[in-house]
Amino acid sequence: MQKWFSAFDDAIIQRQWRANPSRGGGGVSFTKEVDTNVATGAPPRRQRVPGRACPWREPIRGRRGARPGGGDAGGTPGETVRHCSAPEDPIFRFSSLHSYPFPGTIKSRDMSWKRHHLIPETFGVKRRRKRGPVESDPLRGEPGSARAAVSELMQLFPRGLFEDALPPIVLRSQVYSLVPDRTVADRQLKELQEQGEIRIVQLGFDLDAHGIIFTEDYRTRVLKACDGRPYAGAVQKFLASVLPACGDLSFQQDQMTQTFGFRDSEITHLVNAGVLTVRDAGSWWLAVPGAGRFIKYFVKGRQAVLGMVRKAKYRELLLSELLGRRAPVVVRLGLTYHVHDLIGAQLVDCISTTSGTLLRLPET
């Protein structure tokens, strides 16, 4: 600290004595520079030295014969010489608002601003990235009732594809995509089945492929399909007696003949009408007339959508990207309709990411 104060005093003394080369004989004399502002208490004026052009200073015209040590500015005769203020000594640059631990440290506002905006602050608070609007998942919503899930999925069924000849069909696996708790979903579907609001049919391409249909829609489409046909009487009898009383998936021969009073010929008419399909000897599944075309479209569409995920990189694909793609020709029922089935049947794994739901094929 003592050495620093001695250097400080030497700097002050050097600024008070100034060399005067105007002495004759080639000698140099030192004259003490007296500041006239000391007596008045005004701050000392900074020295002026030749330098680059300063836009805030007026130019000083030099004249011929000016001596470098005289009162006039030196330089080439007739040349315009600009003067600017001498830079402040680093040891005198202190601010009352900012204290610096080392003398001579000059903190530029411009450089500080650049460092603040261009260089990340290592020990400071990091800037938070602004989050964009979060897109809602079109397939995942708040867990609700199975009745609401069935109604929502019915809106996805392409009625125009079948010329409104088929009732809207929803698979049980699709309901699982909206009601993740399968126990709750099965219990609620069972209650709706016992109440006679829905009918559950076996689609045939898989043992777990169960279709869900509203009872009123089923009755309306079956009567329309059998109108004017030879088996119309047997179909009307079945809809009036068996359908309200029994909500099972299949019917036995003893049940049909003894309980409901159907003859073997009438059971044959029901099979020809497409209301019943043969399960095995002496039993039949409840069926939907004309559902064969739907099953064909469904199986091909499921394989095509699975192929889209399988061909993606790492066998995974964002749900939003999948729904945004153009559906293949064989996907007649719609991408959203099939994606509900893939998720509910657990043919793909759903992974929540910051970019949205990711569909990934499970490892085999």
Protein backbone atom coordinates (compact mmCIF):
# COMPACT_ATOMS: atom_id res chain seq x y z
CA MET A 1 0.00 0.00 0.00
CA GLN A 2 2.92 2.38 0.78
CA LYS A 3 4.47 1.74 -2.65
CA TRP A 4 1.18 2.55 -4.32
CA PHE A 5 0.94 5.92 -2.54
CA SER A 6 4.51 6.77 -3.53
CA ALA A 7 3.71 6.06 -7.19
CA PHE A 8 0.64 8.22 -6.81
CA ASP A 9 2.75 11.15 -5.52
CA ASP A 10 5.29 10.74 -8.37
CA ALA A 11 2.50 10.96 -10.92
CA ILE A 12 1.23 14.19 -9.38
CA ILE A 13 4.73 15.76 -9.38
CA GLN A 14 5.30 14.77 -13.02
CA ARG A 15 2.09 16.47 -14.06
CA GLN A 16 3.10 19.70 -12.27
CA TRP A 17 6.44 20.07 -14.12
CA ARG A 18 6.42 20.39 -17.88
CA ALA A 19 9.40 20.41 -20.29
CA ASN A 20 10.03 23.65 -22.24
CA PRO A 21 12.21 23.06 -25.34
CA SER A 22 12.14 26.74 -26.34
CA ARG A 23 15.26 27.58 -24.37
CA GLY A 24 18.14 28.72 -26.52
CA GLY A 25 21.26 26.68 -27.09
CA GLY A 26 19.42 23.43 -27.50
CA GLY A 27 18.75 23.04 -23.80
CA VAL A 28 15.53 22.11 -22.19
CA SER A 29 14.13 23.81 -19.15
CA PHE A 30 11.34 22.61 -16.87
CA THR A 31 8.65 25.03 -15.86
CA LYS A 32 6.14 24.43 -13.12
CA GLU A 33 2.62 24.29 -14.44
CA VAL A 34 0.27 26.23 -12.24
CA ASP A 35 -3.44 25.58 -12.51
CA THR A 36 -5.43 28.78 -12.21
CA ASN A 37 -8.50 26.89 -11.11
CA VAL A 38 -6.95 25.68 -7.87
CA ALA A 39 -7.47 29.03 -6.18
CA THR A 40 -11.09 29.20 -7.22
CA GLY A 41 -11.85 25.65 -6.11
CA ALA A 42 -12.92 24.53 -9.60
CA PRO A 43 -11.94 21.06 -10.78
CA PRO A 44 -8.64 20.91 -12.67
CA ARG A 45 -8.82 21.13 -16.43
CA ARG A 46 -7.58 18.20 -18.47
CA GLN A 47 -4.64 18.60 -20.79
CA ARG A 48 -5.17 18.93 -24.53
CA VAL A 49 -2.96 16.93 -26.85
CA PRO A 50 -3.01 16.49 -30.62
CA GLY A 51 -4.96 13.42 -31.62
CA ARG A 52 -7.65 12.17 -33.90
CA ALA A 53 -10.53 14.32 -35.02
CA CYS A 54 -13.20 14.72 -32.34
CA PRO A 55 -16.67 15.60 -33.57
CA TRP A 56 -17.44 17.66 -30.49
CA ARG A 57 -14.42 19.95 -30.84
CA GLU A 58 -14.02 22.85 -33.26
CA PRO A 59 -10.89 22.68 -35.47
CA ILE A 60 -7.97 25.03 -34.73
CA ARG A 61 -6.27 26.50 -37.75
CA GLY A 62 -2.50 26.43 -37.68
CA ARG A 63 -0.35 29.20 -39.20
CA ARG A 64 3.00 29.17 -40.93
CA GLY A 65 6.09 29.33 -38.86
CA ALA A 66 4.48 28.10 -35.71
CA ARG A 67 6.98 26.58 -33.39
CA PRO A 68 6.21 23.22 -31.86
CA GLY A 69 6.88 24.56 -28.38
CA GLY A 70 4.98 27.82 -28.76
CA GLY A 71 1.43 28.68 -27.95
CA ASP A 72 0.23 27.86 -31.46
CA ALA A 73 -0.42 24.37 -32.65
CA GLY A 74 2.29 22.74 -34.67
CA GLY A 75 2.07 20.64 -37.82
CA THR A 76 2.25 21.21 -41.53
CA PRO A 77 1.65 24.85 -42.55
CA GLY A 78 -1.97 25.41 -43.48
CA GLU A 79 -3.04 22.00 -42.16
CA THR A 80 -6.09 21.74 -40.02
CA VAL A 81 -5.19 20.18 -36.69
CA ARG A 82 -7.82 18.88 -34.38
CA HIS A 83 -7.36 18.60 -30.66
CA CYS A 84 -9.17 16.42 -28.21
CA SER A 85 -9.02 15.99 -24.52
CA ALA A 86 -6.25 13.96 -23.06
CA PRO A 87 -7.43 10.62 -21.74
CA GLU A 88 -7.87 10.52 -18.06
CA ASP A 89 -5.26 8.76 -16.05
CA PRO A 90 -6.57 5.38 -14.96
CA ILE A 91 -5.67 6.05 -11.36
CA PHE A 92 -7.98 9.09 -11.28
CA ARG A 93 -10.95 7.26 -12.86
CA PHE A 94 -13.13 6.43 -9.90
CA SER A 95 -16.88 6.67 -9.66
CA SER A 96 -18.87 7.41 -6.58
CA LEU A 97 -21.40 4.74 -7.54
CA HIS A 98 -19.07 1.92 -8.60
CA SER A 99 -15.99 0.88 -6.70
CA TYR A 100 -13.31 -1.22 -8.36
CA PRO A 101 -10.93 -3.41 -6.41
CA PHE A 102 -7.89 -2.61 -8.60
CA PRO A 103 -6.70 0.87 -9.61
CA GLY A 104 -6.71 1.47 -13.32
CA THR A 105 -9.74 -0.69 -14.03
CA ILE A 106 -12.08 1.05 -16.45
CA LYS A 107 -15.47 -0.44 -16.99
CA SER A 108 -17.04 0.60 -20.24
CA ARG A 109 -20.80 0.79 -20.39
CA ASP A 110 -20.88 -0.42 -23.97
CA MET A 111 -18.75 -3.45 -23.28
CA SER A 112 -20.70 -4.19 -20.13
CA TRP A 113 -23.94 -4.09 -22.14
CA LYS A 114 -22.49 -6.43 -24.76
CA ARG A 115 -21.24 -8.87 -22.16
CA HIS A 116 -24.64 -8.82 -20.48
CA HIS A 117 -26.46 -9.66 -23.71
CA LEU A 118 -23.96 -11.89 -25.51
CA ILE A 119 -22.17 -13.84 -22.78
CA PRO A 120 -24.26 -16.04 -20.46
CA GLU A 121 -23.95 -15.15 -16.83
CA THR A 122 -22.14 -17.95 -15.11
CA PHE A 123 -23.11 -17.18 -11.56
CA GLY A 124 -26.17 -15.06 -12.19
CA VAL A 125 -29.76 -15.96 -12.84
CA LYS A 126 -30.16 -17.61 -16.20
CA ARG A 127 -32.70 -16.30 -18.59
CA ARG A 128 -35.81 -18.39 -18.91
CA ARG A 129 -36.94 -19.39 -22.37
CA LYS A 130 -40.37 -18.15 -23.23
CA ARG A 131 -42.79 -20.98 -23.57
CA GLY A 132 -45.17 -21.06 -26.48
CA PRO A 133 -48.78 -22.07 -26.33
CA VAL A 134 -49.24 -25.63 -25.22
CA GLU A 135 -51.18 -27.65 -27.72
CA SER A 136 -53.87 -29.87 -26.31
CA ASP A 137 -53.64 -33.57 -27.02
CA PRO A 138 -56.50 -34.52 -29.37
CA LEU A 139 -56.65 -38.06 -27.96
CA ARG A 140 -55.98 -37.61 -24.28
CA GLY A 141 -58.45 -35.68 -22.17
CA GLU A 142 -59.76 -35.62 -18.65
CA PRO A 143 -60.82 -39.10 -17.50
CA GLY A 144 -64.58 -39.28 -17.90
CA SER A 145 -67.35 -41.82 -18.14
CA ALA A 146 -67.53 -44.63 -20.63
CA ARG A 147 -70.85 -43.26 -21.88
CA ALA A 148 -69.23 -39.95 -22.82
CA ALA A 149 -66.28 -41.75 -24.43
CA VAL A 150 -68.59 -43.86 -26.60
CA SER A 151 -70.54 -40.79 -27.70
CA GLU A 152 -67.32 -38.97 -28.61
CA LEU A 153 -65.95 -41.91 -30.58
CA MET A 154 -69.22 -42.32 -32.45
CA GLN A 155 -68.58 -38.91 -34.02
CA LEU A 156 -65.42 -40.29 -35.64
CA PHE A 157 -67.23 -43.11 -37.43
CA PRO A 158 -67.45 -42.37 -41.20
CA ARG A 159 -71.14 -42.94 -41.85
CA GLY A 160 -70.92 -41.67 -45.41
CA LEU A 161 -68.41 -44.39 -46.27
CA PHE A 162 -71.12 -47.01 -45.78
CA GLU A 163 -73.94 -44.84 -47.10
CA ASP A 164 -75.51 -44.77 -43.63
CA ALA A 165 -76.30 -48.49 -43.89
CA LEU A 166 -74.29 -49.41 -40.80
CA PRO A 167 -74.85 -48.14 -37.27
CA PRO A 168 -71.82 -46.30 -35.82
CA ILE A 169 -69.48 -48.92 -34.35
CA VAL A 170 -66.93 -48.27 -31.61
CA LEU A 171 -64.44 -50.84 -30.34
CA ARG A 172 -63.92 -51.54 -26.67
CA SER A 173 -60.20 -50.84 -27.11
CA GLN A 174 -60.99 -47.34 -28.33
CA VAL A 175 -62.90 -46.62 -25.12
CA TYR A 176 -59.79 -47.60 -23.15
CA SER A 177 -57.89 -44.81 -24.88
CA LEU A 178 -60.21 -42.23 -23.29
CA VAL A 179 -60.86 -44.10 -20.01
CA PRO A 180 -57.43 -45.48 -19.01
CA ASP A 181 -58.79 -47.39 -16.01
CA ARG A 182 -60.02 -50.54 -17.70
CA THR A 183 -61.80 -51.84 -14.64
CA VAL A 184 -63.91 -48.70 -14.43
CA ALA A 185 -64.55 -48.75 -18.18
CA ASP A 186 -65.67 -52.39 -18.17
CA ARG A 187 -67.95 -51.85 -15.19
CA GLN A 188 -69.61 -48.82 -16.76
CA LEU A 189 -70.05 -50.59 -20.10
CA LYS A 190 -71.59 -53.54 -18.30
CA GLU A 191 -74.09 -51.23 -16.62
CA LEU A 192 -75.02 -49.64 -19.95
CA GLN A 193 -75.44 -53.11 -21.44
CA GLU A 194 -77.74 -54.26 -18.63
CA GLN A 195 -79.79 -51.08 -18.99
CA GLY A 196 -80.29 -51.89 -22.67
CA GLU A 197 -78.69 -48.67 -23.88
CA ILE A 198 -75.87 -50.32 -25.80
CA ARG A 199 -75.25 -53.67 -27.50
CA ILE A 200 -71.89 -55.41 -27.64
CA VAL A 201 -71.17 -57.62 -30.66
CA GLN A 202 -68.31 -59.91 -31.59
CA LEU A 203 -66.56 -58.63 -34.72
CA GLY A 204 -64.87 -61.94 -35.46
CA PHE A 205 -61.30 -61.01 -36.49
CA ASP A 206 -60.07 -61.29 -32.89
CA LEU A 207 -61.44 -62.76 -29.67
CA ASP A 208 -61.07 -59.39 -27.93
CA ALA A 209 -62.52 -57.39 -30.83
CA HIS A 210 -65.82 -56.27 -29.33
CA GLY A 211 -67.91 -53.64 -31.08
CA ILE A 212 -70.18 -51.28 -29.16
CA ILE A 213 -73.40 -50.02 -30.75
CA PHE A 214 -76.27 -47.98 -29.40
CA THR A 215 -79.37 -50.17 -29.22
CA GLU A 216 -81.62 -47.69 -31.02
CA ASP A 217 -79.15 -47.31 -33.87
CA TYR A 218 -78.87 -51.07 -34.18
CA ARG A 219 -82.64 -51.57 -34.32
CA THR A 220 -83.12 -48.80 -36.90
CA ARG A 221 -80.40 -50.05 -39.28
CA VAL A 222 -81.47 -53.69 -39.06
CA LEU A 223 -85.11 -52.90 -39.85
CA LYS A 224 -84.00 -50.74 -42.77
CA ALA A 225 -81.75 -53.48 -44.15
CA CYS A 226 -84.46 -56.19 -43.89
CA ASP A 227 -87.38 -54.17 -45.17
CA GLY A 228 -89.25 -56.12 -47.90
CA ARG A 229 -87.13 -59.25 -47.53
CA PRO A 230 -88.56 -62.78 -46.92
CA TYR A 231 -86.92 -62.90 -43.50
CA ALA A 232 -88.32 -59.53 -42.35
CA GLY A 233 -90.87 -61.25 -40.07
CA ALA A 234 -88.27 -63.30 -38.21
CA VAL A 235 -86.06 -60.23 -37.80
CA GLN A 236 -88.90 -58.15 -36.36
CA LYS A 237 -89.75 -60.95 -33.92
CA PHE A 238 -86.13 -61.14 -32.81
CA LEU A 239 -85.90 -57.37 -32.24
CA ALA A 240 -89.15 -57.30 -30.28
CA SER A 241 -88.62 -60.32 -28.01
CA VAL A 242 -84.96 -61.30 -27.75
CA LEU A 243 -83.13 -58.00 -27.98
CA PRO A 244 -84.77 -56.24 -24.98
CA ALA A 245 -84.72 -59.33 -22.77
CA CYS A 246 -81.22 -60.66 -23.36
CA GLY A 247 -78.05 -58.60 -23.55
CA ASP A 248 -75.60 -61.46 -24.08
CA LEU A 249 -73.04 -61.70 -26.84
CA SER A 250 -74.24 -65.15 -27.97
CA PHE A 251 -77.37 -67.25 -27.88
CA GLN A 252 -77.82 -70.99 -27.34
CA GLN A 253 -80.23 -73.22 -29.29
CA ASP A 254 -82.24 -74.21 -26.22
CA GLN A 255 -82.59 -70.57 -25.29
CA MET A 256 -83.81 -69.60 -28.75
CA THR A 257 -86.26 -72.48 -29.18
CA GLN A 258 -87.61 -72.99 -25.67
CA THR A 259 -87.40 -69.52 -24.10
CA PHE A 260 -88.24 -67.33 -27.09
CA GLY A 261 -90.11 -69.86 -29.24
CA PHE A 262 -88.09 -69.69 -32.45
CA ARG A 263 -88.27 -72.54 -34.94
CA ASP A 264 -85.19 -73.82 -36.76
CA SER A 265 -86.37 -72.19 -40.01
CA GLU A 266 -86.67 -68.81 -38.30
CA ILE A 267 -83.15 -69.16 -36.86
CA THR A 268 -81.97 -69.87 -40.41
CA HIS A 269 -83.67 -66.66 -41.58
CA LEU A 270 -81.88 -64.70 -38.87
CA VAL A 271 -78.54 -66.10 -40.04
CA ASN A 272 -79.33 -65.22 -43.65
CA ALA A 273 -80.30 -61.69 -42.61
CA GLY A 274 -76.95 -61.23 -40.90
CA VAL A 275 -78.43 -60.72 -37.44
CA LEU A 276 -76.79 -63.93 -36.16
CA THR A 277 -73.51 -65.60 -37.13
CA VAL A 278 -72.56 -69.17 -36.36
CA ARG A 279 -70.32 -69.53 -33.32
CA ASP A 280 -70.30 -73.33 -33.13
CA ALA A 281 -72.83 -76.15 -33.26
CA GLY A 282 -75.95 -74.97 -31.42
CA SER A 283 -74.85 -71.39 -30.65
CA TRP A 284 -74.73 -68.07 -32.50
CA TRP A 285 -73.10 -64.65 -32.10
CA LEU A 286 -75.09 -61.43 -32.27
CA ALA A 287 -74.02 -59.65 -35.46
CA VAL A 288 -74.57 -56.51 -37.50
CA PRO A 289 -75.87 -56.93 -41.08
CA GLY A 290 -73.27 -55.74 -43.59
CA ALA A 291 -70.46 -55.47 -41.00
CA GLY A 292 -68.08 -57.55 -43.15
CA ARG A 293 -66.96 -54.52 -45.16
CA PHE A 294 -66.31 -52.57 -41.97
CA ILE A 295 -64.15 -55.37 -40.57
CA LYS A 296 -62.16 -55.52 -43.80
CA TYR A 297 -61.47 -51.76 -43.73
CA PHE A 298 -60.63 -51.83 -40.05
CA VAL A 299 -58.05 -54.64 -40.23
CA LYS A 300 -56.25 -53.13 -43.23
CA GLY A 301 -56.28 -49.64 -41.72
CA ARG A 302 -54.86 -50.85 -38.42
CA GLN A 303 -51.93 -52.54 -40.18
CA ALA A 304 -51.28 -49.45 -42.31
CA VAL A 305 -51.15 -47.07 -39.34
CA LEU A 306 -48.88 -49.46 -37.44
CA GLY A 307 -46.64 -49.52 -40.51
CA MET A 308 -46.37 -45.73 -40.42
CA VAL A 309 -45.02 -45.87 -36.87
CA ARG A 310 -42.79 -48.85 -37.67
CA LYS A 311 -41.15 -47.09 -40.61
CA ALA A 312 -40.39 -43.95 -38.60
CA LYS A 313 -36.94 -43.34 -37.15
CA TYR A 314 -36.35 -45.39 -33.99
CA ARG A 315 -39.85 -46.83 -34.54
CA GLU A 316 -41.44 -43.86 -32.80
CA LEU A 317 -43.49 -40.92 -34.01
CA LEU A 318 -45.09 -37.87 -32.45
CA LEU A 319 -48.85 -38.06 -32.29
CA SER A 320 -49.24 -34.58 -33.78
CA GLU A 321 -46.94 -35.50 -36.68
CA LEU A 322 -48.83 -38.73 -37.34
CA LEU A 323 -52.21 -37.01 -37.40
CA GLY A 324 -50.79 -34.30 -39.66
CA ARG A 325 -49.67 -36.74 -42.32
CA ARG A 326 -51.68 -37.77 -45.29
CA ALA A 327 -53.46 -41.04 -44.62
CA PRO A 328 -52.69 -43.98 -46.92
CA VAL A 329 -55.37 -45.12 -49.32
CA VAL A 330 -56.21 -48.22 -47.27
CA VAL A 331 -56.96 -46.11 -44.19
CA ARG A 332 -60.64 -45.61 -45.00
CA LEU A 333 -61.88 -45.04 -41.46
CA GLY A 334 -59.54 -42.13 -40.63
CA LEU A 335 -56.24 -41.82 -38.78
CA THR A 336 -57.79 -40.62 -35.53
CA TYR A 337 -60.20 -43.56 -35.46
CA HIS A 338 -57.32 -46.04 -35.78
CA VAL A 339 -54.99 -44.23 -33.38
CA HIS A 340 -57.59 -44.57 -30.63
CA ASP A 341 -57.57 -48.31 -31.30
CA LEU A 342 -53.77 -48.59 -31.26
CA ILE A 343 -53.50 -46.76 -27.95
CA GLY A 344 -56.35 -48.62 -26.25
CA ALA A 345 -55.23 -52.03 -27.52
CA GLN A 346 -51.68 -51.24 -26.30
CA LEU A 347 -50.20 -51.86 -29.72
CA VAL A 348 -48.13 -48.69 -29.18
CA ASP A 349 -46.72 -47.09 -26.04
CA CYS A 350 -47.70 -43.50 -25.24
CA ILE A 351 -44.85 -41.38 -23.84
CA SER A 352 -45.44 -37.81 -22.67
CA THR A 353 -42.73 -35.39 -23.86
CA THR A 354 -42.33 -31.62 -24.01
CA SER A 355 -43.16 -31.78 -27.72
CA GLY A 356 -46.34 -33.77 -27.14
CA THR A 357 -47.39 -37.40 -26.97
CA LEU A 358 -44.91 -39.80 -28.55
CA LEU A 359 -46.10 -43.12 -29.98
CA ARG A 360 -43.52 -45.87 -29.83
CA LEU A 361 -43.73 -49.51 -30.79
CA PRO A 362 -43.11 -51.75 -27.77
CA GLU A 363 -39.97 -53.83 -27.75
CA THR A 364 -40.55 -57.42 -28.69
